[in-house]
Amino acid sequence: MNNPSDSDGIWKRAEIESPCVKLCQIHPEARICIGCYRTMEEIGAWSRMTPEARREVMAELPERAPQLRKRRGGRAGRQDR
């Protein structure tokens, strides 16, 4: 019998992995995902993007993190307004 791990290499692709961290919520002001920092358009098109386009997006992601202003909930959040 074949060992299942032997066939794992067959299914692996040389693709850029998705930056998704399963924390999917779009920031209301910045319009980017608070988990992976991609735009909704980038998320939707990811499976159809070329490896080069994916690399470009991945290179931009670290610069996007500072765009997210931390939101505070409850009374403390209302006092900032």
N, C-alpha and C. Protein backbone atom coordinates (compact mmCIF):
# COMPACT_ATOMS: atom_id res chain seq x y z
N MET A 1 0.83 -1.20 0.00
CA MET A 1 0.00 0.00 0.00
C MET A 1 0.86 1.25 0.00
N ASN A 2 0.33 2.27 -0.57
CA ASN A 2 1.03 3.54 -0.57
C ASN A 2 0.84 4.27 0.75
N ASN A 3 1.87 4.89 1.18
CA ASN A 3 1.79 5.72 2.38
C ASN A 3 1.16 7.06 1.97
N PRO A 4 0.10 7.51 2.67
CA PRO A 4 -0.56 8.77 2.28
C PRO A 4 0.40 9.95 2.22
N SER A 5 1.41 9.95 3.07
CA SER A 5 2.34 11.08 3.04
C SER A 5 3.19 11.09 1.78
N ASP A 6 3.33 9.92 1.12
CA ASP A 6 4.08 9.86 -0.13
C ASP A 6 3.40 10.67 -1.23
N SER A 7 2.09 10.71 -1.20
CA SER A 7 1.35 11.42 -2.25
C SER A 7 1.20 12.91 -1.95
N ASP A 8 1.54 13.35 -0.75
CA ASP A 8 1.39 14.76 -0.40
C ASP A 8 2.15 15.67 -1.35
N GLY A 9 3.32 15.25 -1.77
CA GLY A 9 4.12 16.06 -2.66
C GLY A 9 3.47 16.28 -4.01
N ILE A 10 2.65 15.35 -4.43
CA ILE A 10 1.96 15.47 -5.72
C ILE A 10 1.00 16.65 -5.70
N TRP A 11 0.34 16.86 -4.58
CA TRP A 11 -0.71 17.88 -4.50
C TRP A 11 -0.18 19.25 -4.12
N LYS A 12 1.04 19.32 -3.71
CA LYS A 12 1.61 20.62 -3.35
C LYS A 12 1.91 21.41 -4.60
N ARG A 13 1.67 22.71 -4.51
CA ARG A 13 1.94 23.59 -5.64
C ARG A 13 2.94 24.65 -5.22
N ALA A 14 3.64 25.16 -6.18
CA ALA A 14 4.60 26.23 -5.90
C ALA A 14 3.86 27.57 -5.99
N GLU A 15 2.87 27.74 -5.13
CA GLU A 15 2.07 28.96 -5.13
C GLU A 15 2.34 29.77 -3.87
N ILE A 16 2.11 31.04 -3.98
CA ILE A 16 2.19 31.91 -2.81
C ILE A 16 0.99 31.59 -1.94
N GLU A 17 1.22 31.28 -0.68
CA GLU A 17 0.13 30.97 0.24
C GLU A 17 -0.67 32.22 0.54
N SER A 18 -1.92 32.02 0.87
CA SER A 18 -2.79 33.13 1.25
C SER A 18 -2.33 33.67 2.61
N PRO A 19 -2.37 34.98 2.79
CA PRO A 19 -2.00 35.56 4.08
C PRO A 19 -3.13 35.48 5.10
N CYS A 20 -4.23 34.85 4.74
CA CYS A 20 -5.40 34.77 5.62
C CYS A 20 -5.03 34.11 6.95
N VAL A 21 -5.46 34.73 8.05
CA VAL A 21 -5.23 34.20 9.39
C VAL A 21 -6.55 33.84 10.07
N LYS A 22 -7.62 33.77 9.27
CA LYS A 22 -8.96 33.40 9.74
C LYS A 22 -9.51 34.40 10.76
N LEU A 23 -9.14 35.67 10.60
CA LEU A 23 -9.68 36.76 11.41
C LEU A 23 -10.25 37.76 10.41
N CYS A 24 -11.34 37.36 9.79
CA CYS A 24 -11.88 38.09 8.64
C CYS A 24 -12.91 39.13 9.06
N GLN A 25 -12.48 40.37 9.06
CA GLN A 25 -13.38 41.48 9.35
C GLN A 25 -12.81 42.70 8.64
N ILE A 26 -13.66 43.38 7.89
CA ILE A 26 -13.22 44.55 7.14
C ILE A 26 -13.31 45.78 8.02
N HIS A 27 -12.21 46.50 8.16
CA HIS A 27 -12.17 47.73 8.95
C HIS A 27 -13.06 48.75 8.25
N PRO A 28 -13.97 49.39 8.99
CA PRO A 28 -14.94 50.29 8.35
C PRO A 28 -14.35 51.53 7.70
N GLU A 29 -13.23 52.01 8.19
CA GLU A 29 -12.62 53.22 7.63
C GLU A 29 -11.54 52.90 6.60
N ALA A 30 -10.64 51.99 6.94
CA ALA A 30 -9.52 51.67 6.05
C ALA A 30 -9.96 50.76 4.90
N ARG A 31 -11.06 50.03 5.08
CA ARG A 31 -11.59 49.12 4.06
C ARG A 31 -10.63 47.98 3.72
N ILE A 32 -9.87 47.54 4.74
CA ILE A 32 -9.00 46.37 4.58
C ILE A 32 -9.30 45.38 5.71
N CYS A 33 -8.99 44.12 5.47
CA CYS A 33 -9.23 43.09 6.47
C CYS A 33 -8.30 43.31 7.66
N ILE A 34 -8.84 43.23 8.87
CA ILE A 34 -8.01 43.45 10.05
C ILE A 34 -7.10 42.27 10.35
N GLY A 35 -7.34 41.13 9.71
CA GLY A 35 -6.50 39.95 9.92
C GLY A 35 -5.33 39.86 8.97
N CYS A 36 -5.61 40.03 7.67
CA CYS A 36 -4.55 39.82 6.66
C CYS A 36 -4.16 41.11 5.94
N TYR A 37 -4.89 42.19 6.17
CA TYR A 37 -4.61 43.51 5.58
C TYR A 37 -4.86 43.60 4.08
N ARG A 38 -5.60 42.63 3.52
CA ARG A 38 -5.94 42.72 2.11
C ARG A 38 -7.26 43.47 1.93
N THR A 39 -7.43 44.04 0.73
CA THR A 39 -8.69 44.67 0.39
C THR A 39 -9.70 43.59 0.02
N MET A 40 -10.97 43.95 -0.02
CA MET A 40 -11.99 42.98 -0.42
C MET A 40 -11.74 42.50 -1.84
N GLU A 41 -11.29 43.40 -2.70
CA GLU A 41 -11.01 43.03 -4.09
C GLU A 41 -9.88 42.02 -4.16
N GLU A 42 -8.83 42.23 -3.37
CA GLU A 42 -7.70 41.30 -3.36
C GLU A 42 -8.11 39.94 -2.81
N ILE A 43 -8.93 39.93 -1.78
CA ILE A 43 -9.40 38.67 -1.20
C ILE A 43 -10.20 37.90 -2.24
N GLY A 44 -11.11 38.58 -2.92
CA GLY A 44 -11.95 37.93 -3.91
C GLY A 44 -11.20 37.43 -5.12
N ALA A 45 -10.14 38.12 -5.49
CA ALA A 45 -9.39 37.76 -6.70
C ALA A 45 -8.20 36.84 -6.43
N TRP A 46 -7.90 36.57 -5.17
CA TRP A 46 -6.68 35.85 -4.81
C TRP A 46 -6.49 34.55 -5.59
N SER A 47 -7.53 33.75 -5.72
CA SER A 47 -7.38 32.45 -6.39
C SER A 47 -7.11 32.60 -7.89
N ARG A 48 -7.42 33.75 -8.45
CA ARG A 48 -7.19 33.97 -9.88
C ARG A 48 -5.94 34.80 -10.16
N MET A 49 -5.28 35.28 -9.12
CA MET A 49 -4.08 36.12 -9.30
C MET A 49 -2.89 35.28 -9.74
N THR A 50 -2.03 35.90 -10.52
CA THR A 50 -0.78 35.26 -10.89
C THR A 50 0.15 35.27 -9.67
N PRO A 51 1.15 34.40 -9.65
CA PRO A 51 2.11 34.44 -8.55
C PRO A 51 2.78 35.80 -8.40
N GLU A 52 3.03 36.48 -9.52
CA GLU A 52 3.66 37.80 -9.46
C GLU A 52 2.73 38.81 -8.77
N ALA A 53 1.45 38.77 -9.12
CA ALA A 53 0.48 39.69 -8.50
C ALA A 53 0.35 39.39 -7.01
N ARG A 54 0.37 38.12 -6.65
CA ARG A 54 0.30 37.75 -5.23
C ARG A 54 1.51 38.27 -4.48
N ARG A 55 2.70 38.15 -5.08
CA ARG A 55 3.92 38.66 -4.44
C ARG A 55 3.83 40.16 -4.20
N GLU A 56 3.29 40.87 -5.18
CA GLU A 56 3.14 42.33 -5.04
C GLU A 56 2.23 42.66 -3.87
N VAL A 57 1.11 41.96 -3.77
CA VAL A 57 0.19 42.19 -2.65
C VAL A 57 0.88 41.87 -1.34
N MET A 58 1.54 40.72 -1.27
CA MET A 58 2.23 40.31 -0.04
C MET A 58 3.27 41.34 0.40
N ALA A 59 3.95 41.95 -0.56
CA ALA A 59 4.97 42.95 -0.24
C ALA A 59 4.35 44.22 0.34
N GLU A 60 3.11 44.53 -0.05
CA GLU A 60 2.45 45.74 0.43
C GLU A 60 1.80 45.58 1.80
N LEU A 61 1.52 44.36 2.21
CA LEU A 61 0.75 44.12 3.44
C LEU A 61 1.36 44.72 4.70
N PRO A 62 2.67 44.59 4.95
CA PRO A 62 3.22 45.16 6.18
C PRO A 62 3.02 46.68 6.30
N GLU A 63 2.99 47.37 5.17
CA GLU A 63 2.80 48.82 5.19
C GLU A 63 1.36 49.21 5.52
N ARG A 64 0.44 48.27 5.37
CA ARG A 64 -0.98 48.57 5.59
C ARG A 64 -1.38 48.50 7.06
N ALA A 65 -0.67 47.74 7.85
CA ALA A 65 -1.05 47.56 9.25
C ALA A 65 -1.23 48.88 10.00
N PRO A 66 -0.33 49.85 9.84
CA PRO A 66 -0.51 51.11 10.58
C PRO A 66 -1.76 51.90 10.18
N GLN A 67 -2.38 51.57 9.05
CA GLN A 67 -3.59 52.27 8.63
C GLN A 67 -4.76 51.99 9.56
N LEU A 68 -4.69 50.88 10.28
CA LEU A 68 -5.80 50.49 11.13
C LEU A 68 -5.70 51.19 12.48
N ARG A 69 -6.62 52.09 12.70
CA ARG A 69 -6.69 52.77 13.99
C ARG A 69 -7.40 51.82 14.94
N LYS A 70 -6.77 51.57 16.06
CA LYS A 70 -7.37 50.65 17.03
C LYS A 70 -8.67 51.24 17.54
N ARG A 71 -9.71 50.42 17.50
CA ARG A 71 -11.01 50.86 17.99
C ARG A 71 -11.19 50.34 19.40
N ARG A 72 -11.67 51.19 20.26
CA ARG A 72 -11.95 50.78 21.63
C ARG A 72 -13.45 50.75 21.81
N GLY A 73 -13.92 49.73 22.42
CA GLY A 73 -15.35 49.58 22.61
C GLY A 73 -15.83 50.13 23.94
N GLY A 74 -17.11 50.06 24.14
CA GLY A 74 -17.70 50.47 25.41
C GLY A 74 -17.56 51.95 25.69
N ARG A 75 -17.56 52.29 26.95
CA ARG A 75 -17.50 53.69 27.39
C ARG A 75 -16.20 54.37 26.95
N ALA A 76 -15.09 53.65 27.05
CA ALA A 76 -13.80 54.23 26.68
C ALA A 76 -13.79 54.64 25.21
N GLY A 77 -14.42 53.87 24.37
CA GLY A 77 -14.49 54.20 22.95
C GLY A 77 -15.32 55.44 22.68
N ARG A 78 -16.37 55.62 23.43
CA ARG A 78 -17.22 56.80 23.25
C ARG A 78 -16.56 58.06 23.77
N GLN A 79 -15.70 57.97 24.75
CA GLN A 79 -15.03 59.14 25.32
C GLN A 79 -14.01 59.73 24.36
N ASP A 80 -13.50 58.93 23.43
CA ASP A 80 -12.52 59.43 22.46
C ASP A 80 -13.14 60.35 21.42
N ARG A 81 -14.43 60.36 21.31
CA ARG A 81 -15.09 61.13 20.25
C ARG A 81 -15.23 62.57 20.59
